[in-house]
Every structure is written in C-alpha cells, then in structure tokens.
Amino acid sequence: MEASTVPLWLIAAPSVVAVVAIVAAELRDRRRLTHEKEMRLRDERIAAYRKLLAATTTAHVERSGVDALTAAHAEIALLASTDEIDGAAAEVKLAYWQKQKRSYRETQDLDAPASESAQALRKAEAARNRFLTLAWEELGIEGRSLGYRDLEGDDPGEELPEPQEPSSPQP
C-alpha cells in the first residue's frame, strides 16, 4: 500500500490513544492524592478529637486537664472542617474551665453551695456530649450512644476473650 492511500485517522489513532491514556492516568493520580490527603486530615482530626475527649476525664478536677483541653482545642481550630465543630470544642474548654473555677471557689469558701459545682459539671458534660455528637456526624459514625470509646480505641491493657473453636454438630 502506498502511504498516500492510508487514511489519516489510522496514522493519528495511536497518538490519540496515548494522549487519552496519559490524561486518564493523571486524573487517577489526582484522585488518589486527594483521597490520601482527605484520609490524612480525617486521621489528624480524630487524633485531636481524642485528645480533647481524653482531657475531659480530668479537666473538672485538675488544672493540667484544662491545659490539655486548651491544647486540643488549638489543634481542632486548625483542623476542624466546620465552624460548628470548632465552636463546640471551645464550649467544652470553657465549660470545664468554669467547672474547675467553681470547684476552687468551693474549696476556698466553705459556705458556698455545692450545687454550683454540680451544675457546672452537668454543663461541661453536656458541652462534651454536643461536641461528640458533632464529631460523629462529621466522621460518619451513626447509631452510637454517648461515649467515646470508639474514638479512643481499645485499651491496650484490656484482655480480650479467647477465640472459641466452632463446635461440631453432634449426631
């Protein structure tokens, strides 16, 4: 066959296929990188949320707990996907700080009513639960009861039950 009788599209087809393959590979790489970035940010958010929630276990009685809440809130402020999550974290920090302040006031003034401290603790726990609910929504965790064990993970010192062998049917 002469070169002049070969259709132009037949000559250009391999080049077009190569360009399409390169573009498709580039799009795949972009999607993969975007997904990896989203997963890394999600993991960093979970770590910051865990720090905040772990600090609430002592923040009502220890100054170091409030300091840990402050540090966790600073991380959340940088990583939060919404202003609502950031605001809820700030409410948690403030509520536990107020609880500690009222507890300190009660130790200094023996005539102060103990109900103020109990009420402040209930407000702090409500703020923590609101934050936890918003965190679950953001992370796509549904059907959970209040508690943050799933965000914390298993206790490394906790003994897990031994796996059981499946029993064979008796004739």
C-alpha atoms as a PDB file:
ATOM      1  CA  MET A   1       0.000   0.000   0.000  1.00  0.00           C
ATOM      2  CA  GLU A   2       1.137   3.477  -0.748  1.00  0.00           C
ATOM      3  CA  ALA A   3       1.494   5.973   2.046  1.00  0.00           C
ATOM      4  CA  SER A   4      -0.909   8.322   0.320  1.00  0.00           C
ATOM      5  CA  THR A   5      -3.750   5.795   0.412  1.00  0.00           C
ATOM      6  CA  VAL A   6      -3.566   5.186   4.217  1.00  0.00           C
ATOM      7  CA  PRO A   7      -6.286   7.221   5.957  1.00  0.00           C
ATOM      8  CA  LEU A   8      -5.021   9.993   8.196  1.00  0.00           C
ATOM      9  CA  TRP A   9      -7.130   8.859  11.168  1.00  0.00           C
ATOM     10  CA  LEU A  10      -5.338   5.480  11.089  1.00  0.00           C
ATOM     11  CA  ILE A  11      -1.989   7.212  11.381  1.00  0.00           C
ATOM     12  CA  ALA A  12      -3.179   9.549  14.195  1.00  0.00           C
ATOM     13  CA  ALA A  13      -5.105   6.909  16.190  1.00  0.00           C
ATOM     14  CA  PRO A  14      -2.140   5.603  18.232  1.00  0.00           C
ATOM     15  CA  SER A  15      -1.183   9.144  19.205  1.00  0.00           C
ATOM     16  CA  VAL A  16      -4.736   9.964  20.316  1.00  0.00           C
ATOM     17  CA  VAL A  17      -4.921   6.738  22.330  1.00  0.00           C
ATOM     18  CA  ALA A  18      -1.612   7.577  24.017  1.00  0.00           C
ATOM     19  CA  VAL A  19      -2.803  11.078  24.953  1.00  0.00           C
ATOM     20  CA  VAL A  20      -6.087   9.709  26.358  1.00  0.00           C
ATOM     21  CA  ALA A  21      -4.152   7.128  28.415  1.00  0.00           C
ATOM     22  CA  ILE A  22      -1.835   9.813  29.817  1.00  0.00           C
ATOM     23  CA  VAL A  23      -4.771  12.076  30.762  1.00  0.00           C
ATOM     24  CA  ALA A  24      -6.626   9.161  32.397  1.00  0.00           C
ATOM     25  CA  ALA A  25      -3.524   8.229  34.427  1.00  0.00           C
ATOM     26  CA  GLU A  26      -3.111  11.844  35.531  1.00  0.00           C
ATOM     27  CA  LEU A  27      -6.755  12.025  36.677  1.00  0.00           C
ATOM     28  CA  ARG A  28      -6.364   8.758  38.596  1.00  0.00           C
ATOM     29  CA  ASP A  29      -3.261  10.100  40.345  1.00  0.00           C
ATOM     30  CA  ARG A  30      -5.026  13.337  41.267  1.00  0.00           C
ATOM     31  CA  ARG A  31      -7.994  11.434  42.710  1.00  0.00           C
ATOM     32  CA  ARG A  32      -5.646   9.157  44.669  1.00  0.00           C
ATOM     33  CA  LEU A  33      -3.675  12.097  46.081  1.00  0.00           C
ATOM     34  CA  THR A  34      -6.868  13.930  47.016  1.00  0.00           C
ATOM     35  CA  HIS A  35      -8.205  10.834  48.747  1.00  0.00           C
ATOM     36  CA  GLU A  36      -4.929  10.311  50.640  1.00  0.00           C
ATOM     37  CA  LYS A  37      -4.975  13.944  51.783  1.00  0.00           C
ATOM     38  CA  GLU A  38      -8.587  13.648  52.971  1.00  0.00           C
ATOM     39  CA  MET A  39      -7.784  10.452  54.875  1.00  0.00           C
ATOM     40  CA  ARG A  40      -4.715  12.038  56.496  1.00  0.00           C
ATOM     41  CA  LEU A  41      -6.782  15.057  57.589  1.00  0.00           C
ATOM     42  CA  ARG A  42      -9.503  12.749  58.913  1.00  0.00           C
ATOM     43  CA  ASP A  43      -6.928  10.822  60.951  1.00  0.00           C
ATOM     44  CA  GLU A  44      -5.484  14.075  62.309  1.00  0.00           C
ATOM     45  CA  ARG A  45      -8.979  15.280  63.251  1.00  0.00           C
ATOM     46  CA  ILE A  46      -9.700  12.021  65.057  1.00  0.00           C
ATOM     47  CA  ALA A  47      -6.432  12.328  66.986  1.00  0.00           C
ATOM     48  CA  ALA A  48      -7.268  15.912  68.013  1.00  0.00           C
ATOM     49  CA  TYR A  49     -10.826  14.923  68.986  1.00  0.00           C
ATOM     50  CA  ARG A  50      -9.463  12.052  71.062  1.00  0.00           C
ATOM     51  CA  LYS A  51      -7.106  14.433  72.878  1.00  0.00           C
ATOM     52  CA  LEU A  52      -9.983  16.760  73.705  1.00  0.00           C
ATOM     53  CA  LEU A  53     -12.220  13.944  74.908  1.00  0.00           C
ATOM     54  CA  ALA A  54      -9.450  12.283  76.921  1.00  0.00           C
ATOM     55  CA  ALA A  55      -8.683  15.592  78.643  1.00  0.00           C
ATOM     56  CA  THR A  56     -12.302  15.871  79.806  1.00  0.00           C
ATOM     57  CA  THR A  57     -11.770  12.888  82.107  1.00  0.00           C
ATOM     58  CA  THR A  58      -9.613  15.008  84.448  1.00  0.00           C
ATOM     59  CA  ALA A  59     -10.359  18.597  83.438  1.00  0.00           C
ATOM     60  CA  HIS A  60     -13.062  19.029  86.070  1.00  0.00           C
ATOM     61  CA  VAL A  61     -10.553  18.429  88.897  1.00  0.00           C
ATOM     62  CA  GLU A  62      -7.032  19.036  87.532  1.00  0.00           C
ATOM     63  CA  ARG A  63      -5.541  22.177  86.029  1.00  0.00           C
ATOM     64  CA  SER A  64      -3.439  20.020  83.698  1.00  0.00           C
ATOM     65  CA  GLY A  65      -6.695  18.667  82.230  1.00  0.00           C
ATOM     66  CA  VAL A  66      -7.814  22.183  81.322  1.00  0.00           C
ATOM     67  CA  ASP A  67      -4.377  22.852  79.835  1.00  0.00           C
ATOM     68  CA  ALA A  68      -4.743  19.680  77.745  1.00  0.00           C
ATOM     69  CA  LEU A  69      -8.208  20.861  76.637  1.00  0.00           C
ATOM     70  CA  THR A  70      -6.699  24.169  75.554  1.00  0.00           C
ATOM     71  CA  ALA A  71      -4.001  22.413  73.527  1.00  0.00           C
ATOM     72  CA  ALA A  72      -6.525  20.029  71.948  1.00  0.00           C
ATOM     73  CA  HIS A  73      -8.818  22.931  71.075  1.00  0.00           C
ATOM     74  CA  ALA A  74      -5.921  24.710  69.365  1.00  0.00           C
ATOM     75  CA  GLU A  75      -5.388  21.639  67.166  1.00  0.00           C
ATOM     76  CA  ILE A  76      -9.098  21.339  66.447  1.00  0.00           C
ATOM     77  CA  ALA A  77      -9.253  25.020  65.489  1.00  0.00           C
ATOM     78  CA  LEU A  78      -6.652  24.293  62.803  1.00  0.00           C
ATOM     79  CA  LEU A  79      -8.192  21.029  61.576  1.00  0.00           C
ATOM     80  CA  ALA A  80     -11.952  21.416  62.039  1.00  0.00           C
ATOM     81  CA  SER A  81     -13.970  21.024  58.895  1.00  0.00           C
ATOM     82  CA  THR A  82     -16.724  23.337  60.192  1.00  0.00           C
ATOM     83  CA  ASP A  83     -17.004  26.344  62.457  1.00  0.00           C
ATOM     84  CA  GLU A  84     -19.642  24.429  64.413  1.00  0.00           C
ATOM     85  CA  ILE A  85     -17.121  21.747  65.472  1.00  0.00           C
ATOM     86  CA  ASP A  86     -14.583  24.425  66.417  1.00  0.00           C
ATOM     87  CA  GLY A  87     -17.224  26.293  68.417  1.00  0.00           C
ATOM     88  CA  ALA A  88     -18.321  23.120  70.203  1.00  0.00           C
ATOM     89  CA  ALA A  89     -14.705  22.378  71.154  1.00  0.00           C
ATOM     90  CA  ALA A  90     -14.365  25.918  72.512  1.00  0.00           C
ATOM     91  CA  GLU A  91     -17.550  25.410  74.564  1.00  0.00           C
ATOM     92  CA  VAL A  92     -16.100  22.207  76.047  1.00  0.00           C
ATOM     93  CA  LYS A  93     -12.902  24.008  77.050  1.00  0.00           C
ATOM     94  CA  LEU A  94     -14.808  26.919  78.586  1.00  0.00           C
ATOM     95  CA  ALA A  95     -17.325  24.722  80.425  1.00  0.00           C
ATOM     96  CA  TYR A  96     -14.629  22.604  82.072  1.00  0.00           C
ATOM     97  CA  TRP A  97     -12.645  25.704  82.980  1.00  0.00           C
ATOM     98  CA  GLN A  98     -15.762  27.163  84.640  1.00  0.00           C
ATOM     99  CA  LYS A  99     -16.359  23.876  86.483  1.00  0.00           C
ATOM    100  CA  GLN A 100     -12.828  23.934  87.841  1.00  0.00           C
ATOM    101  CA  LYS A 101     -13.184  27.591  88.822  1.00  0.00           C
ATOM    102  CA  ARG A 102     -16.376  26.831  90.781  1.00  0.00           C
ATOM    103  CA  SER A 103     -14.733  23.835  92.469  1.00  0.00           C
ATOM    104  CA  TYR A 104     -11.827  26.004  93.528  1.00  0.00           C
ATOM    105  CA  ARG A 105     -14.225  28.655  94.867  1.00  0.00           C
ATOM    106  CA  GLU A 106     -15.977  25.967  96.930  1.00  0.00           C
ATOM    107  CA  THR A 107     -12.685  24.873  98.498  1.00  0.00           C
ATOM    108  CA  GLN A 108     -11.929  28.479  99.458  1.00  0.00           C
ATOM    109  CA  ASP A 109     -15.409  29.347 100.705  1.00  0.00           C
ATOM    110  CA  LEU A 110     -16.895  26.530 102.776  1.00  0.00           C
ATOM    111  CA  ASP A 111     -20.267  28.325 102.840  1.00  0.00           C
ATOM    112  CA  ALA A 112     -20.536  28.238  99.024  1.00  0.00           C
ATOM    113  CA  PRO A 113     -23.310  25.964  97.750  1.00  0.00           C
ATOM    114  CA  ALA A 114     -22.046  22.666  96.338  1.00  0.00           C
ATOM    115  CA  SER A 115     -24.836  22.705  93.770  1.00  0.00           C
ATOM    116  CA  GLU A 116     -22.961  25.320  91.696  1.00  0.00           C
ATOM    117  CA  SER A 117     -20.129  22.881  91.091  1.00  0.00           C
ATOM    118  CA  ALA A 118     -22.503  20.021  90.244  1.00  0.00           C
ATOM    119  CA  GLN A 119     -24.428  22.259  87.854  1.00  0.00           C
ATOM    120  CA  ALA A 120     -21.179  23.355  86.194  1.00  0.00           C
ATOM    121  CA  LEU A 121     -20.163  19.715  85.765  1.00  0.00           C
ATOM    122  CA  ARG A 122     -23.509  18.914  84.101  1.00  0.00           C
ATOM    123  CA  LYS A 123     -22.990  21.856  81.721  1.00  0.00           C
ATOM    124  CA  ALA A 124     -19.468  20.670  80.924  1.00  0.00           C
ATOM    125  CA  GLU A 125     -20.678  17.132  80.245  1.00  0.00           C
ATOM    126  CA  ALA A 126     -23.480  18.471  78.030  1.00  0.00           C
ATOM    127  CA  ALA A 127     -20.926  20.516  76.059  1.00  0.00           C
ATOM    128  CA  ARG A 128     -18.725  17.419  75.685  1.00  0.00           C
ATOM    129  CA  ASN A 129     -21.698  15.356  74.500  1.00  0.00           C
ATOM    130  CA  ARG A 130     -22.670  18.021  71.956  1.00  0.00           C
ATOM    131  CA  PHE A 131     -19.107  18.076  70.632  1.00  0.00           C
ATOM    132  CA  LEU A 132     -19.077  14.290  70.469  1.00  0.00           C
ATOM    133  CA  THR A 133     -22.336  14.222  68.512  1.00  0.00           C
ATOM    134  CA  LEU A 134     -20.985  16.760  66.005  1.00  0.00           C
ATOM    135  CA  ALA A 135     -17.737  14.781  65.682  1.00  0.00           C
ATOM    136  CA  TRP A 136     -19.692  11.590  64.982  1.00  0.00           C
ATOM    137  CA  GLU A 137     -21.718  13.378  62.307  1.00  0.00           C
ATOM    138  CA  GLU A 138     -18.571  14.732  60.673  1.00  0.00           C
ATOM    139  CA  LEU A 139     -16.846  11.341  60.745  1.00  0.00           C
ATOM    140  CA  GLY A 140     -19.934   9.486  59.526  1.00  0.00           C
ATOM    141  CA  ILE A 141     -20.400   7.415  62.688  1.00  0.00           C
ATOM    142  CA  GLU A 142     -24.075   6.616  63.144  1.00  0.00           C
ATOM    143  CA  GLY A 143     -26.162   4.850  65.748  1.00  0.00           C
ATOM    144  CA  ARG A 144     -23.790   5.432  68.666  1.00  0.00           C
ATOM    145  CA  SER A 145     -24.793   6.015  72.247  1.00  0.00           C
ATOM    146  CA  LEU A 146     -22.948   8.720  74.146  1.00  0.00           C
ATOM    147  CA  GLY A 147     -19.421   7.638  74.994  1.00  0.00           C
ATOM    148  CA  TYR A 148     -16.135   7.981  73.210  1.00  0.00           C
ATOM    149  CA  ARG A 149     -14.537   4.544  73.492  1.00  0.00           C
ATOM    150  CA  ASP A 150     -14.718   4.011  69.720  1.00  0.00           C
ATOM    151  CA  LEU A 151     -12.746   7.187  69.054  1.00  0.00           C
ATOM    152  CA  GLU A 152     -10.215   6.250  71.737  1.00  0.00           C
ATOM    153  CA  GLY A 153      -9.741   2.673  70.592  1.00  0.00           C
ATOM    154  CA  ASP A 154      -9.277  -0.424  72.687  1.00  0.00           C
ATOM    155  CA  ASP A 155      -7.389  -0.274  75.949  1.00  0.00           C
ATOM    156  CA  PRO A 156      -4.031  -1.987  75.310  1.00  0.00           C
ATOM    157  CA  GLY A 157      -4.121  -3.470  78.806  1.00  0.00           C
ATOM    158  CA  GLU A 158      -7.592  -4.871  78.338  1.00  0.00           C
ATOM    159  CA  GLU A 159      -7.732  -8.636  77.992  1.00  0.00           C
ATOM    160  CA  LEU A 160      -9.749  -9.838  75.073  1.00  0.00           C
ATOM    161  CA  PRO A 161     -11.668 -13.108  75.338  1.00  0.00           C
ATOM    162  CA  GLU A 162     -10.019 -16.167  73.840  1.00  0.00           C
ATOM    163  CA  PRO A 163     -11.447 -17.140  70.465  1.00  0.00           C
ATOM    164  CA  GLN A 164     -13.722 -20.159  70.685  1.00  0.00           C
ATOM    165  CA  GLU A 165     -13.429 -23.131  68.369  1.00  0.00           C
ATOM    166  CA  PRO A 166     -16.633 -23.691  66.439  1.00  0.00           C
ATOM    167  CA  SER A 167     -18.408 -26.679  67.859  1.00  0.00           C
ATOM    168  CA  SER A 168     -19.091 -29.547  65.536  1.00  0.00           C
ATOM    169  CA  PRO A 169     -22.655 -30.829  65.325  1.00  0.00           C
ATOM    170  CA  GLN A 170     -23.356 -33.895  67.410  1.00  0.00           C
ATOM    171  CA  PRO A 171     -25.040 -36.844  65.568  1.00  0.00           C
END
